[in-house]
Protein backbone atom coordinates (compact mmCIF):
# COMPACT_ATOMS: atom_id res chain seq x y z
CA MET A 1 -28.19 2.94 -17.44
CA THR A 2 -28.22 4.75 -14.10
CA ARG A 3 -27.84 8.52 -14.51
CA ILE A 4 -26.32 10.67 -11.77
CA ALA A 5 -25.66 14.41 -11.71
CA VAL A 6 -22.73 15.62 -9.59
CA VAL A 7 -22.43 19.23 -8.41
CA GLY A 8 -19.41 20.87 -6.81
CA ASP A 9 -15.74 21.63 -7.26
CA ALA A 10 -13.47 20.79 -10.15
CA LEU A 11 -9.91 22.06 -9.93
CA VAL A 12 -6.31 21.28 -10.71
CA ASP A 13 -4.30 19.77 -7.85
CA ILE A 14 -0.61 20.60 -7.70
CA VAL A 15 1.07 17.65 -5.99
CA ASP A 16 4.86 17.36 -5.73
CA GLY A 17 5.19 19.86 -8.57
CA ARG A 18 2.85 17.90 -10.85
CA THR A 19 -0.56 19.11 -12.04
CA VAL A 20 -3.36 16.58 -11.64
CA PRO A 21 -7.05 17.04 -12.51
CA GLY A 22 -8.97 16.91 -9.26
CA GLY A 23 -11.53 18.46 -7.00
CA ALA A 24 -13.98 16.37 -5.00
CA ALA A 25 -16.91 16.64 -7.40
CA LEU A 26 -14.77 15.87 -10.45
CA ASN A 27 -13.27 12.86 -8.65
CA VAL A 28 -16.75 11.62 -7.75
CA ALA A 29 -18.05 12.14 -11.29
CA VAL A 30 -15.14 10.31 -12.91
CA GLY A 31 -15.37 7.58 -10.27
CA LEU A 32 -19.04 7.07 -11.06
CA ALA A 33 -18.26 6.86 -14.76
CA ARG A 34 -15.62 4.22 -14.03
CA LEU A 35 -18.33 2.29 -12.19
CA GLY A 36 -20.53 2.31 -15.29
CA VAL A 37 -22.81 5.24 -14.45
CA ASP A 38 -24.01 7.88 -16.95
CA VAL A 39 -22.72 11.14 -15.40
CA ASP A 40 -23.24 14.89 -15.67
CA LEU A 41 -20.92 17.21 -13.74
CA VAL A 42 -21.90 20.78 -12.86
CA ALA A 43 -18.80 22.76 -11.87
CA MET A 44 -17.10 26.17 -12.12
CA VAL A 45 -14.54 25.82 -14.94
CA ALA A 46 -12.99 28.66 -16.95
CA ASP A 47 -11.71 28.70 -20.51
CA ASP A 48 -8.06 28.78 -19.44
CA GLU A 49 -5.32 26.17 -19.50
CA PRO A 50 -6.27 24.53 -16.17
CA GLY A 51 -9.90 24.58 -17.27
CA ARG A 52 -9.13 23.01 -20.62
CA ALA A 53 -7.19 20.27 -18.82
CA LEU A 54 -10.28 19.54 -16.71
CA VAL A 55 -12.52 19.48 -19.78
CA ARG A 56 -10.21 16.98 -21.47
CA HIS A 57 -10.03 14.84 -18.34
CA ALA A 58 -13.81 14.74 -17.91
CA ALA A 59 -14.39 13.96 -21.57
CA SER A 60 -11.78 11.20 -21.57
CA HIS A 61 -13.85 9.39 -18.93
CA GLY A 62 -17.21 10.02 -20.59
CA VAL A 63 -18.35 12.68 -18.09
CA ARG A 64 -20.52 15.47 -19.53
CA LEU A 65 -19.36 18.78 -18.04
CA ALA A 66 -21.83 21.65 -17.59
CA ARG A 67 -19.58 24.62 -16.87
CA THR A 68 -20.81 27.49 -14.73
CA PRO A 69 -19.18 30.95 -14.98
CA ALA A 70 -15.64 31.29 -13.57
CA PRO A 71 -14.73 35.00 -13.69
CA LEU A 72 -11.59 34.46 -11.58
CA GLY A 73 -10.40 31.52 -13.64
CA THR A 74 -10.23 27.83 -12.81
CA ALA A 75 -9.50 26.83 -9.22
CA THR A 76 -6.19 25.24 -8.27
CA ALA A 77 -5.05 23.64 -5.02
CA THR A 78 -1.47 23.05 -3.93
CA ALA A 79 -1.39 19.85 -1.86
CA THR A 80 1.19 18.92 0.77
CA ARG A 81 1.36 15.74 2.81
CA ASP A 82 0.69 15.94 6.55
CA GLY A 83 1.09 12.43 7.91
CA ASP A 84 -1.54 10.27 6.26
CA THR A 85 -3.63 13.21 5.05
CA MET A 86 -3.25 16.01 2.52
CA ARG A 87 -3.44 19.76 3.22
CA TYR A 88 -4.45 22.23 0.52
CA VAL A 89 -3.77 25.87 -0.30
CA PHE A 90 -6.23 27.28 -2.84
CA ASN A 91 -5.85 30.11 -5.33
CA GLU A 92 -8.33 33.00 -5.30
CA ALA A 93 -10.67 31.25 -7.72
CA GLY A 94 -10.80 28.28 -5.36
CA VAL A 95 -11.38 30.32 -2.22
CA ARG A 96 -14.13 32.36 -3.91
CA ARG A 97 -15.66 29.47 -5.83
CA HIS A 98 -19.26 29.82 -6.94
CA VAL A 99 -21.48 27.21 -8.55
CA ASP A 100 -24.97 28.51 -9.36
CA VAL A 101 -27.19 25.52 -10.09
CA THR A 102 -30.39 27.55 -10.51
CA PRO A 103 -30.29 27.54 -14.35
CA LEU A 104 -29.43 23.82 -14.31
CA VAL A 105 -32.20 22.49 -12.07
CA PRO A 106 -33.87 20.77 -15.08
CA LEU A 107 -30.62 18.87 -15.70
CA LEU A 108 -30.55 17.79 -12.04
CA ASP A 109 -34.20 16.79 -12.12
CA ALA A 110 -33.51 14.51 -15.10
CA ALA A 111 -31.00 12.45 -13.07
CA ASP A 112 -31.82 9.42 -10.94
CA LEU A 113 -29.63 10.84 -8.16
CA VAL A 114 -27.94 14.17 -7.43
CA VAL A 115 -24.62 14.11 -5.57
CA VAL A 116 -23.27 17.35 -4.09
CA SER A 117 -19.60 17.41 -3.11
CA CYS A 118 -17.54 20.31 -1.80
CA MET A 119 -19.71 23.33 -2.55
CA ALA A 120 -19.57 26.73 -0.87
CA LEU A 121 -22.61 26.00 1.26
CA ASP A 122 -21.85 28.97 3.50
CA ASP A 123 -23.18 31.05 0.57
CA ALA A 124 -27.00 30.99 0.65
CA SER A 125 -27.22 31.68 -3.10
CA GLN A 126 -25.45 28.38 -3.75
CA ALA A 127 -26.96 26.29 -0.95
CA GLY A 128 -30.59 27.33 -1.41
CA PRO A 129 -31.19 26.01 -4.94
CA LEU A 130 -30.14 22.50 -3.93
CA LEU A 131 -33.43 22.09 -2.07
CA ARG A 132 -35.40 23.09 -5.16
CA ILE A 133 -34.61 19.87 -6.97
CA ALA A 134 -37.37 17.30 -7.24
CA ASP A 135 -37.78 14.87 -4.32
CA PRO A 136 -34.52 15.52 -2.42
CA ALA A 137 -35.46 12.96 0.24
CA ALA A 138 -35.05 10.22 -2.37
CA ARG A 139 -32.55 11.81 -4.75
CA LEU A 140 -30.10 14.08 -2.90
CA VAL A 141 -26.74 12.85 -1.58
CA VAL A 142 -24.49 15.45 0.09
CA ASP A 143 -20.80 15.29 0.95
CA PRO A 144 -20.12 18.71 2.52
CA ASN A 145 -16.36 18.03 2.28
CA PRO A 146 -15.24 21.25 4.01
CA ARG A 147 -11.66 22.47 3.84
CA PRO A 148 -10.03 24.89 6.32
CA GLY A 149 -8.93 27.04 3.38
CA TYR A 150 -12.57 27.45 2.34
CA LEU A 151 -13.79 28.46 5.83
CA PRO A 152 -11.38 31.17 6.99
CA THR A 153 -13.46 32.64 9.85
CA PRO A 154 -15.79 31.31 12.56
CA GLU A 155 -18.65 33.07 10.78
CA HIS A 156 -18.00 31.04 7.63
CA VAL A 157 -18.02 27.86 9.70
CA VAL A 158 -21.35 28.74 11.35
CA ARG A 159 -23.01 29.56 8.02
CA PHE A 160 -21.64 26.35 6.50
CA ARG A 161 -22.86 24.22 9.42
CA GLU A 162 -26.33 25.78 9.37
CA ALA A 163 -26.65 25.20 5.62
CA VAL A 164 -25.51 21.59 5.86
CA GLU A 165 -28.08 20.93 8.56
CA ARG A 166 -30.90 22.56 6.57
CA ILE A 167 -30.02 20.47 3.52
CA ALA A 168 -29.43 17.30 5.53
CA ALA A 169 -32.93 17.55 6.98
CA GLN A 170 -34.32 16.89 3.50
CA ALA A 171 -31.57 14.69 2.01
CA ARG A 172 -31.36 10.98 1.20
CA LEU A 173 -27.80 10.62 2.50
CA VAL A 174 -25.16 12.86 4.05
CA LYS A 175 -21.49 11.91 4.31
CA VAL A 176 -19.49 13.12 7.33
CA GLY A 177 -15.74 12.56 7.62
CA ASP A 178 -13.89 12.61 10.92
CA GLU A 179 -11.97 15.77 10.00
CA ASP A 180 -15.18 17.36 8.67
CA ALA A 181 -16.94 16.79 11.98
CA GLU A 182 -14.12 18.39 13.95
CA LEU A 183 -13.84 21.40 11.63
CA VAL A 184 -17.55 22.19 11.30
CA TRP A 185 -19.14 20.80 14.49
CA GLY A 186 -16.18 20.63 16.86
CA THR A 187 -16.94 17.03 17.78
CA GLU A 188 -16.57 13.46 16.54
CA PRO A 189 -18.54 12.25 13.48
CA HIS A 190 -20.86 9.72 15.16
CA THR A 191 -22.30 12.50 17.31
CA VAL A 192 -22.85 14.55 14.16
CA ALA A 193 -24.56 11.57 12.53
CA SER A 194 -27.03 11.35 15.41
CA ARG A 195 -27.75 15.06 15.11
CA LEU A 196 -28.36 14.93 11.35
CA LEU A 197 -30.65 11.91 11.68
CA ALA A 198 -32.62 13.73 14.38
CA LEU A 199 -32.99 16.70 12.01
CA GLY A 200 -34.52 14.46 9.34
CA ALA A 201 -31.75 12.99 7.19
CA ARG A 202 -32.74 9.53 5.90
CA GLY A 203 -29.16 8.29 6.22
CA VAL A 204 -25.66 9.37 7.27
CA LEU A 205 -22.39 7.84 6.12
CA VAL A 206 -19.48 8.36 8.54
CA THR A 207 -15.96 7.87 7.16
CA GLU A 208 -12.91 7.65 9.42
CA GLY A 209 -9.95 6.97 7.14
CA PRO A 210 -8.11 3.83 8.26
CA GLU A 211 -10.95 2.98 10.67
CA GLY A 212 -13.36 2.41 7.79
CA ALA A 213 -16.94 3.63 7.45
CA THR A 214 -20.25 3.38 9.25
CA ALA A 215 -23.71 3.82 7.74
CA TYR A 216 -26.54 5.07 9.91
CA ALA A 217 -30.24 5.10 9.20
CA HIS A 218 -33.08 5.33 11.66
CA ALA A 219 -33.27 1.53 11.99
CA THR A 220 -29.79 0.50 10.86
CA SER A 221 -26.16 0.90 11.89
CA VAL A 222 -23.53 -0.94 9.84
CA HIS A 223 -19.73 -0.67 10.05
CA ALA A 224 -17.17 -1.86 7.49
CA PRO A 225 -13.38 -1.78 8.01
CA ILE A 226 -11.06 -0.51 5.31
CA HIS A 227 -9.63 -3.35 3.25
CA ALA A 228 -6.05 -4.39 3.94
CA MET A 229 -3.80 -4.59 0.88
CA ALA A 230 -0.22 -5.71 0.42
CA GLU A 231 0.71 -2.64 -1.62
CA PRO A 232 1.78 0.49 0.31
CA ILE A 233 -0.42 3.59 0.52
CA VAL A 234 0.78 6.21 -1.98
CA ASP A 235 -1.58 9.00 -0.91
CA THR A 236 -5.12 9.40 0.40
CA ILE A 237 -6.31 11.87 -2.25
CA GLY A 238 -9.69 10.74 -3.53
CA ALA A 239 -10.37 8.01 -0.96
CA GLY A 240 -13.46 9.74 0.40
CA ASP A 241 -14.57 10.64 -3.12
CA ALA A 242 -14.22 7.01 -4.20
CA THR A 243 -16.30 5.95 -1.20
CA ILE A 244 -19.16 8.33 -1.94
CA ALA A 245 -19.05 7.40 -5.64
CA ALA A 246 -19.35 3.69 -4.85
CA VAL A 247 -22.18 4.22 -2.36
CA SER A 248 -24.04 6.65 -4.65
CA ALA A 249 -23.87 4.29 -7.62
CA ALA A 250 -25.33 1.50 -5.51
CA LEU A 251 -27.96 3.76 -3.96
CA ALA A 252 -29.15 5.03 -7.35
CA GLU A 253 -29.43 1.47 -8.62
CA ALA A 254 -31.40 0.46 -5.53
CA GLU A 255 -33.81 3.35 -5.96
CA ILE A 256 -34.39 2.45 -9.62
CA THR A 257 -34.92 -1.25 -8.98
CA GLY A 258 -36.86 -0.87 -5.74
CA THR A 259 -34.25 -2.83 -3.79
CA GLU A 260 -34.61 -2.61 -0.01
CA VAL A 261 -31.83 -0.48 1.47
CA GLY A 262 -31.48 -2.29 4.77
CA GLU A 263 -28.76 -3.79 6.90
CA GLU A 264 -27.74 -6.53 4.47
CA TRP A 265 -27.62 -4.08 1.58
CA TRP A 266 -25.42 -1.70 3.55
CA ARG A 267 -23.02 -4.47 4.56
CA ASP A 268 -22.43 -5.45 0.94
CA VAL A 269 -22.21 -1.87 -0.34
CA LEU A 270 -19.88 -0.63 2.41
CA ASP A 271 -17.58 -3.63 1.97
CA ASP A 272 -17.29 -2.87 -1.76
CA ALA A 273 -16.75 0.83 -1.05
CA MET A 274 -13.97 0.14 1.44
CA ALA A 275 -12.22 -2.11 -1.08
CA ILE A 276 -12.45 0.62 -3.72
CA ALA A 277 -11.19 3.28 -1.28
CA ALA A 278 -8.22 1.08 -0.31
CA ALA A 279 -7.30 0.51 -3.95
CA THR A 280 -7.58 4.25 -4.68
CA CYS A 281 -5.04 4.98 -1.93
CA ARG A 282 -2.50 2.74 -3.68
CA VAL A 283 -2.07 5.12 -6.63
CA SER A 284 -1.19 8.80 -6.86
CA GLY A 285 -4.05 11.24 -7.34
CA GLY A 286 -7.80 11.02 -6.93
CA LEU A 287 -8.80 8.63 -9.74
CA LEU A 288 -11.05 5.87 -8.40
CA GLN A 289 -9.40 2.47 -8.64
CA LEU A 290 -11.14 -0.90 -8.78
CA PRO A 291 -9.64 -3.52 -6.47
CA PRO A 292 -8.39 -6.81 -7.88
CA ARG A 293 -11.00 -9.54 -7.89
């Protein structure tokens, strides 16, 4: 069975007065498990009620949770709808999140793929160890997944951008959303993709919500539209996480089997990912949903 380690945020979303286990990395980890992957999640989770809810949620989906210290408690995020997107206000634990992977590098090295999602990359002590894992050019997938609430000053944005670019230069794949590109680079995501490829990234995945996704590699550019569905969109929480989970599962399998990751491969994988993302938007919360076959 394919084994993937996910590193990043796990928190409790508060949506319309309800508490829902969430956080980008937790969503990705659970999504991978729902796709049949053996998953470890490295995240900051305290021994408090929100933290215990996250532990139960991870365990219920077969995700092994390696908890890093959380002196300020477990992170929470209050979500409000803004058109077709969600805006978040984080508690102090969320704003000051810290995931130190240094003691867990052996766990990451044991995985077929390492997926990083929504880490405080503006903090060098958290960003640096990610490049100490074995063979990042074949094994490291990064979804920076920035949030305005995590980058309160221009200095935070600059540090975050510089760290993403350093990591991207050695990574297998980097995901860039349209809102991410505007927040961190002040431009549109396809321009960012070109920059990251020029810096050395082996691949970049651009996601643009209802416009679908585009995969770039040095010899390949493939676009897939989001799938149309009869059911109405409930919310967009977890759509990007479902996309990166689907692509990462396929990428890990390709690396293990020696499958060529070329244009035809990307067309099939992106089409599946866009179907999964569309299905995920038809339910409340960030739990990856499989589309009807």
